[in-house]
Amino acid sequence: MKAILFNGSLERRSESTSGIISSYFSDRLEALGIQTDIFTLADSGIPCLMSHLPKHL
């Protein structure tokens, strides 16, 4: 079985609260034999969701 964990925070640091929570769930699911992948919104590169880009882009 596979699971995708969606981290919707715009925080990029893995030691942020959202990063720690995502890692916790990932570790727990992997302990149950479930393959996980964490999708982090801040690293997605989707322009309309990137708040740090200038408004004219």
N, C-alpha and C. Protein backbone atom coordinates (compact mmCIF):
# COMPACT_ATOMS: atom_id res chain seq x y z
N MET A 1 0.85 -1.17 0.00
CA MET A 1 0.00 0.00 0.00
C MET A 1 0.90 1.23 0.00
N LYS A 2 0.39 2.31 -0.62
CA LYS A 2 1.12 3.57 -0.69
C LYS A 2 0.26 4.70 -0.13
N ALA A 3 0.92 5.71 0.41
CA ALA A 3 0.20 6.88 0.93
C ALA A 3 0.97 8.14 0.56
N ILE A 4 0.23 9.17 0.19
CA ILE A 4 0.82 10.48 -0.06
C ILE A 4 0.40 11.39 1.09
N LEU A 5 1.37 12.00 1.73
CA LEU A 5 1.09 12.96 2.80
C LEU A 5 1.23 14.36 2.21
N PHE A 6 0.20 15.16 2.33
CA PHE A 6 0.19 16.51 1.79
C PHE A 6 0.53 17.50 2.89
N ASN A 7 1.66 18.20 2.72
CA ASN A 7 2.07 19.24 3.66
C ASN A 7 1.78 20.57 2.99
N GLY A 8 0.70 21.22 3.38
CA GLY A 8 0.25 22.46 2.75
C GLY A 8 0.90 23.72 3.27
N SER A 9 1.86 23.58 4.16
CA SER A 9 2.54 24.75 4.70
C SER A 9 3.49 25.33 3.67
N LEU A 10 3.69 26.63 3.71
CA LEU A 10 4.66 27.27 2.82
C LEU A 10 6.04 27.34 3.47
N GLU A 11 6.18 26.75 4.63
CA GLU A 11 7.47 26.68 5.33
C GLU A 11 8.35 25.64 4.64
N ARG A 12 9.59 25.98 4.34
CA ARG A 12 10.49 25.08 3.63
C ARG A 12 11.38 24.26 4.55
N ARG A 13 11.55 24.66 5.79
CA ARG A 13 12.46 23.95 6.71
C ARG A 13 11.86 22.62 7.14
N SER A 14 12.67 21.56 7.10
CA SER A 14 12.18 20.24 7.51
C SER A 14 11.96 20.18 9.03
N GLU A 15 12.61 21.07 9.78
CA GLU A 15 12.42 21.08 11.23
C GLU A 15 11.28 22.01 11.67
N SER A 16 10.48 22.48 10.73
CA SER A 16 9.31 23.27 11.07
C SER A 16 8.26 22.35 11.69
N THR A 17 7.26 22.92 12.30
CA THR A 17 6.21 22.12 12.92
C THR A 17 5.53 21.21 11.90
N SER A 18 5.21 21.75 10.73
CA SER A 18 4.56 20.92 9.71
C SER A 18 5.48 19.82 9.19
N GLY A 19 6.77 20.12 9.10
CA GLY A 19 7.74 19.10 8.67
C GLY A 19 7.88 17.98 9.69
N ILE A 20 7.88 18.34 10.96
CA ILE A 20 7.98 17.34 12.03
C ILE A 20 6.74 16.45 12.06
N ILE A 21 5.57 17.06 11.91
CA ILE A 21 4.32 16.29 11.91
C ILE A 21 4.27 15.36 10.70
N SER A 22 4.66 15.85 9.53
CA SER A 22 4.68 15.01 8.33
C SER A 22 5.62 13.83 8.50
N SER A 23 6.79 14.10 9.05
CA SER A 23 7.77 13.02 9.28
C SER A 23 7.25 12.01 10.28
N TYR A 24 6.56 12.48 11.31
CA TYR A 24 5.99 11.58 12.31
C TYR A 24 5.01 10.60 11.66
N PHE A 25 4.07 11.16 10.87
CA PHE A 25 3.09 10.29 10.22
C PHE A 25 3.76 9.36 9.22
N SER A 26 4.74 9.86 8.51
CA SER A 26 5.46 9.03 7.55
C SER A 26 6.15 7.86 8.25
N ASP A 27 6.82 8.14 9.35
CA ASP A 27 7.50 7.08 10.12
C ASP A 27 6.51 6.05 10.63
N ARG A 28 5.39 6.50 11.15
CA ARG A 28 4.36 5.58 11.68
C ARG A 28 3.77 4.70 10.58
N LEU A 29 3.48 5.29 9.44
CA LEU A 29 2.92 4.51 8.34
C LEU A 29 3.93 3.51 7.78
N GLU A 30 5.20 3.93 7.68
CA GLU A 30 6.23 3.02 7.19
C GLU A 30 6.46 1.86 8.15
N ALA A 31 6.27 2.10 9.44
CA ALA A 31 6.38 1.03 10.42
C ALA A 31 5.29 -0.02 10.23
N LEU A 32 4.18 0.40 9.63
CA LEU A 32 3.08 -0.51 9.33
C LEU A 32 3.22 -1.15 7.95
N GLY A 33 4.32 -0.84 7.26
CA GLY A 33 4.56 -1.41 5.95
C GLY A 33 3.96 -0.62 4.80
N ILE A 34 3.59 0.62 5.05
CA ILE A 34 2.98 1.47 4.03
C ILE A 34 4.06 2.41 3.48
N GLN A 35 4.24 2.38 2.16
CA GLN A 35 5.21 3.25 1.51
C GLN A 35 4.64 4.66 1.47
N THR A 36 5.43 5.66 1.87
CA THR A 36 4.92 7.04 1.93
C THR A 36 5.74 7.98 1.06
N ASP A 37 5.09 9.04 0.64
CA ASP A 37 5.73 10.13 -0.07
C ASP A 37 5.12 11.41 0.48
N ILE A 38 5.96 12.38 0.82
CA ILE A 38 5.47 13.64 1.37
C ILE A 38 5.50 14.69 0.27
N PHE A 39 4.33 15.23 -0.08
CA PHE A 39 4.21 16.32 -1.04
C PHE A 39 4.20 17.62 -0.25
N THR A 40 5.23 18.44 -0.43
CA THR A 40 5.34 19.70 0.28
C THR A 40 5.01 20.84 -0.67
N LEU A 41 3.98 21.58 -0.35
CA LEU A 41 3.51 22.65 -1.21
C LEU A 41 4.61 23.67 -1.49
N ALA A 42 5.41 24.01 -0.49
CA ALA A 42 6.46 25.02 -0.66
C ALA A 42 7.50 24.59 -1.69
N ASP A 43 7.70 23.30 -1.86
CA ASP A 43 8.69 22.79 -2.81
C ASP A 43 8.07 22.37 -4.14
N SER A 44 6.78 22.60 -4.31
CA SER A 44 6.08 22.11 -5.50
C SER A 44 6.41 22.92 -6.75
N GLY A 45 6.72 24.19 -6.59
CA GLY A 45 7.02 25.03 -7.74
C GLY A 45 5.79 25.46 -8.51
N ILE A 46 4.62 25.36 -7.92
CA ILE A 46 3.38 25.79 -8.58
C ILE A 46 3.28 27.31 -8.40
N PRO A 47 3.45 28.09 -9.48
CA PRO A 47 3.55 29.55 -9.36
C PRO A 47 2.39 30.23 -8.66
N CYS A 48 1.16 29.81 -8.91
CA CYS A 48 0.02 30.51 -8.31
C CYS A 48 -0.08 30.27 -6.80
N LEU A 49 0.68 29.32 -6.28
CA LEU A 49 0.64 29.02 -4.85
C LEU A 49 1.88 29.52 -4.11
N MET A 50 2.78 30.16 -4.82
CA MET A 50 4.03 30.60 -4.21
C MET A 50 3.89 32.05 -3.75
N SER A 51 3.71 32.25 -2.48
CA SER A 51 3.47 33.59 -1.93
C SER A 51 4.72 34.45 -1.91
N HIS A 52 5.90 33.85 -2.02
CA HIS A 52 7.14 34.62 -1.95
C HIS A 52 7.55 35.22 -3.29
N LEU A 53 6.85 34.88 -4.38
CA LEU A 53 7.16 35.43 -5.69
C LEU A 53 6.61 36.85 -5.81
N PRO A 54 7.28 37.70 -6.58
CA PRO A 54 6.76 39.05 -6.81
C PRO A 54 5.37 38.98 -7.47
N LYS A 55 4.53 39.94 -7.18
CA LYS A 55 3.15 39.95 -7.67
C LYS A 55 3.06 40.11 -9.19
N HIS A 56 4.07 40.68 -9.84
CA HIS A 56 4.00 40.89 -11.27
C HIS A 56 4.34 39.65 -12.09
N LEU A 57 4.70 38.55 -11.47
CA LEU A 57 5.02 37.32 -12.22
C LEU A 57 3.79 36.49 -12.43
